Amino acid sequence: MLRPGLAHVRELLQSNRLIRRHLEHRDRELALLGMVLSRLPDPLRAHCRDVVLSDGILTLFLDSPAWVTRARFMIEDLTRALEREGVAKVVAQVRVRSERDGMDALGPKPRGTVERQPNGGGRLTQQTRAHLLGAAEGMSDPALAEVFRRFANNHAPAAMTAAGDNRDSPESPGIVKTPAARSD
């Protein structure tokens, strides 16, 4: 049951024909996902993240190529089982999860997931940054070396940025300020 404060939102969404059709279609996809999950073996079930139905083709999204390969062995059986639901074909694809795509609610994060920052960039370890900065020092192409330096400095661990590492200051190692182009 919806909380009383959210009832008006539900009514608003249901009153818009396009939104209502979209929500009904998504409900159908979620029901198909439930049917698919009930037919998959336990190890595979944990890696099937979502489905999309378009023109009678049901696309299964799994979290790695290895699981897509295993799912392909079951596609014929799934297609036969879902024919009564209007599914003419089942295909499988890889979709890597991120916190922003809303799929985390379907299961735990896989091991080795990189924490994403609000700016979208992952944070590098100190050792990785040191390797990048060292590689930049040995490069003969100054423009490429600058790319490596900026990448290393822009993806510093959060502890470094919180500790006051001002990576935009000219005194920061690896940052070279270039003069602005003249417009003659």
C-alpha atoms as a PDB file:
ATOM      1  CA  MET A   1       0.000   0.000   0.000  1.00  0.00           C
ATOM      2  CA  LEU A   2       1.244   3.466  -0.860  1.00  0.00           C
ATOM      3  CA  ARG A   3       1.905   6.009   1.812  1.00  0.00           C
ATOM      4  CA  PRO A   4      -0.793   8.703   1.838  1.00  0.00           C
ATOM      5  CA  GLY A   5       1.681  11.409   0.772  1.00  0.00           C
ATOM      6  CA  LEU A   6       2.595   9.506  -2.401  1.00  0.00           C
ATOM      7  CA  ALA A   7      -0.933   8.738  -3.565  1.00  0.00           C
ATOM      8  CA  HIS A   8      -1.133  12.000  -5.515  1.00  0.00           C
ATOM      9  CA  VAL A   9       2.098  11.171  -7.363  1.00  0.00           C
ATOM     10  CA  ARG A  10       0.729   7.797  -8.418  1.00  0.00           C
ATOM     11  CA  GLU A  11      -2.504   9.418  -9.596  1.00  0.00           C
ATOM     12  CA  LEU A  12      -0.546  12.042 -11.518  1.00  0.00           C
ATOM     13  CA  LEU A  13       1.571   9.401 -13.252  1.00  0.00           C
ATOM     14  CA  GLN A  14      -1.483   7.276 -14.053  1.00  0.00           C
ATOM     15  CA  SER A  15      -3.343  10.259 -15.503  1.00  0.00           C
ATOM     16  CA  ASN A  16      -0.708  10.783 -18.219  1.00  0.00           C
ATOM     17  CA  ARG A  17      -1.394   8.315 -21.038  1.00  0.00           C
ATOM     18  CA  LEU A  18       2.235   8.030 -22.206  1.00  0.00           C
ATOM     19  CA  ILE A  19       3.641   7.576 -18.723  1.00  0.00           C
ATOM     20  CA  ARG A  20       0.922   5.060 -17.886  1.00  0.00           C
ATOM     21  CA  ARG A  21       1.773   3.019 -21.034  1.00  0.00           C
ATOM     22  CA  HIS A  22       5.465   3.155 -20.176  1.00  0.00           C
ATOM     23  CA  LEU A  23       4.813   2.001 -16.608  1.00  0.00           C
ATOM     24  CA  GLU A  24       2.554  -0.822 -17.821  1.00  0.00           C
ATOM     25  CA  HIS A  25       5.237  -1.916 -20.304  1.00  0.00           C
ATOM     26  CA  ARG A  26       7.875  -1.869 -17.559  1.00  0.00           C
ATOM     27  CA  ASP A  27       5.585  -3.887 -15.273  1.00  0.00           C
ATOM     28  CA  ARG A  28       5.283  -6.454 -18.069  1.00  0.00           C
ATOM     29  CA  GLU A  29       9.081  -6.552 -18.449  1.00  0.00           C
ATOM     30  CA  LEU A  30       9.489  -7.078 -14.706  1.00  0.00           C
ATOM     31  CA  ALA A  31       6.959  -9.925 -14.809  1.00  0.00           C
ATOM     32  CA  LEU A  32       8.937 -11.490 -17.677  1.00  0.00           C
ATOM     33  CA  LEU A  33      12.138 -11.046 -15.668  1.00  0.00           C
ATOM     34  CA  GLY A  34      10.509 -12.991 -12.839  1.00  0.00           C
ATOM     35  CA  MET A  35       9.535 -15.773 -15.252  1.00  0.00           C
ATOM     36  CA  VAL A  36      13.064 -15.892 -16.683  1.00  0.00           C
ATOM     37  CA  LEU A  37      14.653 -15.973 -13.230  1.00  0.00           C
ATOM     38  CA  SER A  38      12.379 -18.834 -12.173  1.00  0.00           C
ATOM     39  CA  ARG A  39      13.662 -20.896 -15.127  1.00  0.00           C
ATOM     40  CA  LEU A  40      17.381 -20.179 -14.704  1.00  0.00           C
ATOM     41  CA  PRO A  41      19.673 -22.312 -12.539  1.00  0.00           C
ATOM     42  CA  ASP A  42      20.871 -20.692  -9.294  1.00  0.00           C
ATOM     43  CA  PRO A  43      24.371 -19.678 -10.417  1.00  0.00           C
ATOM     44  CA  LEU A  44      23.054 -18.003 -13.566  1.00  0.00           C
ATOM     45  CA  ARG A  45      20.045 -16.429 -11.853  1.00  0.00           C
ATOM     46  CA  ALA A  46      22.303 -14.287  -9.658  1.00  0.00           C
ATOM     47  CA  HIS A  47      23.868 -12.685 -12.748  1.00  0.00           C
ATOM     48  CA  CYS A  48      20.727 -11.909 -14.776  1.00  0.00           C
ATOM     49  CA  ARG A  49      20.156  -8.230 -14.005  1.00  0.00           C
ATOM     50  CA  ASP A  50      17.312  -7.022 -16.206  1.00  0.00           C
ATOM     51  CA  VAL A  51      15.240  -7.630 -19.341  1.00  0.00           C
ATOM     52  CA  VAL A  52      13.894  -5.385 -22.082  1.00  0.00           C
ATOM     53  CA  LEU A  53      11.045  -6.352 -24.399  1.00  0.00           C
ATOM     54  CA  SER A  54      10.902  -4.714 -27.805  1.00  0.00           C
ATOM     55  CA  ASP A  55       8.959  -5.964 -30.834  1.00  0.00           C
ATOM     56  CA  GLY A  56       8.665  -9.470 -29.408  1.00  0.00           C
ATOM     57  CA  ILE A  57      12.393  -9.747 -28.682  1.00  0.00           C
ATOM     58  CA  LEU A  58      13.288 -10.213 -25.028  1.00  0.00           C
ATOM     59  CA  THR A  59      16.827  -9.079 -24.261  1.00  0.00           C
ATOM     60  CA  LEU A  60      18.388 -10.505 -21.106  1.00  0.00           C
ATOM     61  CA  PHE A  61      21.087  -8.367 -19.502  1.00  0.00           C
ATOM     62  CA  LEU A  62      23.771 -10.247 -17.604  1.00  0.00           C
ATOM     63  CA  ASP A  63      26.743  -8.818 -15.747  1.00  0.00           C
ATOM     64  CA  SER A  64      29.607 -10.494 -17.645  1.00  0.00           C
ATOM     65  CA  PRO A  65      30.378 -12.145 -20.995  1.00  0.00           C
ATOM     66  CA  ALA A  66      30.926 -15.496 -19.266  1.00  0.00           C
ATOM     67  CA  TRP A  67      27.355 -15.519 -17.958  1.00  0.00           C
ATOM     68  CA  VAL A  68      25.995 -14.400 -21.336  1.00  0.00           C
ATOM     69  CA  THR A  69      27.678 -17.447 -22.880  1.00  0.00           C
ATOM     70  CA  ARG A  70      26.090 -19.737 -20.311  1.00  0.00           C
ATOM     71  CA  ALA A  71      22.687 -18.100 -20.799  1.00  0.00           C
ATOM     72  CA  ARG A  72      22.852 -18.701 -24.555  1.00  0.00           C
ATOM     73  CA  PHE A  73      22.629 -22.439 -23.891  1.00  0.00           C
ATOM     74  CA  MET A  74      19.182 -21.836 -22.376  1.00  0.00           C
ATOM     75  CA  ILE A  75      17.785 -19.410 -24.939  1.00  0.00           C
ATOM     76  CA  GLU A  76      15.788 -22.010 -26.915  1.00  0.00           C
ATOM     77  CA  ASP A  77      14.103 -23.301 -23.758  1.00  0.00           C
ATOM     78  CA  LEU A  78      13.356 -19.779 -22.562  1.00  0.00           C
ATOM     79  CA  THR A  79      11.901 -18.784 -25.937  1.00  0.00           C
ATOM     80  CA  ARG A  80       9.581 -21.813 -25.948  1.00  0.00           C
ATOM     81  CA  ALA A  81       8.521 -21.142 -22.353  1.00  0.00           C
ATOM     82  CA  LEU A  82       7.756 -17.469 -23.035  1.00  0.00           C
ATOM     83  CA  GLU A  83       5.973 -17.832 -26.407  1.00  0.00           C
ATOM     84  CA  ARG A  84       2.607 -17.639 -24.623  1.00  0.00           C
ATOM     85  CA  GLU A  85       3.687 -14.234 -23.267  1.00  0.00           C
ATOM     86  CA  GLY A  86       4.275 -12.820 -26.762  1.00  0.00           C
ATOM     87  CA  VAL A  87       8.035 -13.389 -26.804  1.00  0.00           C
ATOM     88  CA  ALA A  88       9.204 -14.487 -30.261  1.00  0.00           C
ATOM     89  CA  LYS A  89      12.927 -14.458 -29.555  1.00  0.00           C
ATOM     90  CA  VAL A  90      15.285 -14.249 -26.570  1.00  0.00           C
ATOM     91  CA  VAL A  91      18.770 -12.745 -26.800  1.00  0.00           C
ATOM     92  CA  ALA A  92      21.424 -12.085 -24.174  1.00  0.00           C
ATOM     93  CA  GLN A  93      23.756  -9.111 -23.739  1.00  0.00           C
ATOM     94  CA  VAL A  94      26.270  -7.828 -21.217  1.00  0.00           C
ATOM     95  CA  ARG A  95      25.400  -4.812 -19.110  1.00  0.00           C
ATOM     96  CA  VAL A  96      27.892  -3.783 -16.491  1.00  0.00           C
ATOM     97  CA  ARG A  97      26.222  -2.330 -13.428  1.00  0.00           C
ATOM     98  CA  SER A  98      26.941   1.035 -11.987  1.00  0.00           C
ATOM     99  CA  GLU A  99      25.415   2.877  -9.081  1.00  0.00           C
ATOM    100  CA  ARG A 100      23.872   5.389 -11.449  1.00  0.00           C
ATOM    101  CA  ASP A 101      21.901   2.930 -13.590  1.00  0.00           C
ATOM    102  CA  GLY A 102      19.651   1.903 -10.695  1.00  0.00           C
ATOM    103  CA  MET A 103      20.403  -1.795 -11.014  1.00  0.00           C
ATOM    104  CA  ASP A 104      22.039  -2.137  -7.598  1.00  0.00           C
ATOM    105  CA  ALA A 105      18.633  -2.905  -6.111  1.00  0.00           C
ATOM    106  CA  LEU A 106      18.691  -6.253  -7.936  1.00  0.00           C
ATOM    107  CA  GLY A 107      21.603  -7.637  -5.981  1.00  0.00           C
ATOM    108  CA  PRO A 108      24.894  -7.041  -4.244  1.00  0.00           C
ATOM    109  CA  LYS A 109      27.714  -5.206  -5.955  1.00  0.00           C
ATOM    110  CA  PRO A 110      30.127  -7.535  -7.715  1.00  0.00           C
ATOM    111  CA  ARG A 111      33.556  -7.850  -6.132  1.00  0.00           C
ATOM    112  CA  GLY A 112      36.089  -5.409  -7.522  1.00  0.00           C
ATOM    113  CA  THR A 113      33.521  -2.735  -8.328  1.00  0.00           C
ATOM    114  CA  VAL A 114      35.149   0.694  -8.580  1.00  0.00           C
ATOM    115  CA  GLU A 115      33.518   3.327  -6.404  1.00  0.00           C
ATOM    116  CA  ARG A 116      32.322   6.154  -8.600  1.00  0.00           C
ATOM    117  CA  GLN A 117      32.554   9.756  -7.554  1.00  0.00           C
ATOM    118  CA  PRO A 118      29.916  12.391  -8.360  1.00  0.00           C
ATOM    119  CA  ASN A 119      32.092  13.613 -11.239  1.00  0.00           C
ATOM    120  CA  GLY A 120      31.904  10.117 -12.778  1.00  0.00           C
ATOM    121  CA  GLY A 121      35.601   9.286 -12.405  1.00  0.00           C
ATOM    122  CA  GLY A 122      37.030   6.358 -10.493  1.00  0.00           C
ATOM    123  CA  ARG A 123      39.799   6.987  -7.979  1.00  0.00           C
ATOM    124  CA  LEU A 124      43.225   5.479  -8.591  1.00  0.00           C
ATOM    125  CA  THR A 125      45.455   3.927  -5.975  1.00  0.00           C
ATOM    126  CA  GLN A 126      48.657   5.707  -5.019  1.00  0.00           C
ATOM    127  CA  GLN A 127      50.661   2.951  -6.740  1.00  0.00           C
ATOM    128  CA  THR A 128      48.735   3.363 -10.007  1.00  0.00           C
ATOM    129  CA  ARG A 129      49.185   7.135  -9.845  1.00  0.00           C
ATOM    130  CA  ALA A 130      52.929   6.655  -9.268  1.00  0.00           C
ATOM    131  CA  HIS A 131      53.154   4.370 -12.319  1.00  0.00           C
ATOM    132  CA  LEU A 132      51.291   6.888 -14.483  1.00  0.00           C
ATOM    133  CA  LEU A 133      53.453   9.789 -13.299  1.00  0.00           C
ATOM    134  CA  GLY A 134      56.607   7.717 -13.809  1.00  0.00           C
ATOM    135  CA  ALA A 135      55.537   6.777 -17.305  1.00  0.00           C
ATOM    136  CA  ALA A 136      54.869  10.442 -18.062  1.00  0.00           C
ATOM    137  CA  GLU A 137      58.407  11.360 -17.002  1.00  0.00           C
ATOM    138  CA  GLY A 138      59.871   8.876 -19.486  1.00  0.00           C
ATOM    139  CA  MET A 139      57.813  10.001 -22.483  1.00  0.00           C
ATOM    140  CA  SER A 140      59.338  11.959 -25.323  1.00  0.00           C
ATOM    141  CA  ASP A 141      55.970  13.408 -26.390  1.00  0.00           C
ATOM    142  CA  PRO A 142      55.198  16.270 -23.956  1.00  0.00           C
ATOM    143  CA  ALA A 143      51.510  16.392 -24.885  1.00  0.00           C
ATOM    144  CA  LEU A 144      51.023  12.693 -24.123  1.00  0.00           C
ATOM    145  CA  ALA A 145      53.047  13.038 -20.918  1.00  0.00           C
ATOM    146  CA  GLU A 146      50.730  15.865 -19.879  1.00  0.00           C
ATOM    147  CA  VAL A 147      47.681  13.647 -20.506  1.00  0.00           C
ATOM    148  CA  PHE A 148      49.151  10.969 -18.217  1.00  0.00           C
ATOM    149  CA  ARG A 149      49.946  13.546 -15.509  1.00  0.00           C
ATOM    150  CA  ARG A 150      46.488  15.090 -15.607  1.00  0.00           C
ATOM    151  CA  PHE A 151      44.800  11.693 -15.561  1.00  0.00           C
ATOM    152  CA  ALA A 152      46.854  10.656 -12.521  1.00  0.00           C
ATOM    153  CA  ASN A 153      46.176  13.932 -10.710  1.00  0.00           C
ATOM    154  CA  ASN A 154      42.481  14.139 -11.585  1.00  0.00           C
ATOM    155  CA  HIS A 155      41.845  10.622 -10.270  1.00  0.00           C
ATOM    156  CA  ALA A 156      43.704  10.938  -6.986  1.00  0.00           C
ATOM    157  CA  PRO A 157      42.289   9.017  -4.025  1.00  0.00           C
ATOM    158  CA  ALA A 158      39.562  10.899  -2.174  1.00  0.00           C
ATOM    159  CA  ALA A 159      41.806  11.110   0.914  1.00  0.00           C
ATOM    160  CA  MET A 160      44.330  13.163  -1.068  1.00  0.00           C
ATOM    161  CA  THR A 161      41.735  15.583  -2.365  1.00  0.00           C
ATOM    162  CA  ALA A 162      40.129  15.874   1.077  1.00  0.00           C
ATOM    163  CA  ALA A 163      43.546  16.542   2.642  1.00  0.00           C
ATOM    164  CA  GLY A 164      43.837  19.711   0.603  1.00  0.00           C
ATOM    165  CA  ASP A 165      45.746  18.495  -2.453  1.00  0.00           C
ATOM    166  CA  ASN A 166      45.183  21.479  -4.736  1.00  0.00           C
ATOM    167  CA  ARG A 167      45.765  19.838  -8.070  1.00  0.00           C
ATOM    168  CA  ASP A 168      44.959  22.958 -10.044  1.00  0.00           C
ATOM    169  CA  SER A 169      47.679  25.086  -8.509  1.00  0.00           C
ATOM    170  CA  PRO A 170      50.818  25.677 -10.607  1.00  0.00           C
ATOM    171  CA  GLU A 171      52.948  24.294  -7.766  1.00  0.00           C
ATOM    172  CA  SER A 172      51.300  20.866  -7.977  1.00  0.00           C
ATOM    173  CA  PRO A 173      53.602  18.214  -9.437  1.00  0.00           C
ATOM    174  CA  GLY A 174      52.715  17.186 -12.965  1.00  0.00           C
ATOM    175  CA  ILE A 175      50.510  20.156 -13.784  1.00  0.00           C
ATOM    176  CA  VAL A 176      51.927  22.438 -16.433  1.00  0.00           C
ATOM    177  CA  LYS A 177      50.077  25.673 -17.042  1.00  0.00           C
ATOM    178  CA  THR A 178      50.045  26.510 -20.728  1.00  0.00           C
ATOM    179  CA  PRO A 179      49.567  30.062 -21.955  1.00  0.00           C
ATOM    180  CA  ALA A 180      46.201  30.910 -23.463  1.00  0.00           C
ATOM    181  CA  ALA A 181      46.086  30.990 -27.248  1.00  0.00           C
ATOM    182  CA  ARG A 182      46.247  34.445 -28.729  1.00  0.00           C
ATOM    183  CA  SER A 183      43.454  35.575 -30.989  1.00  0.00           C
ATOM    184  CA  ASP A 184      45.082  37.855 -33.540  1.00  0.00           C
END
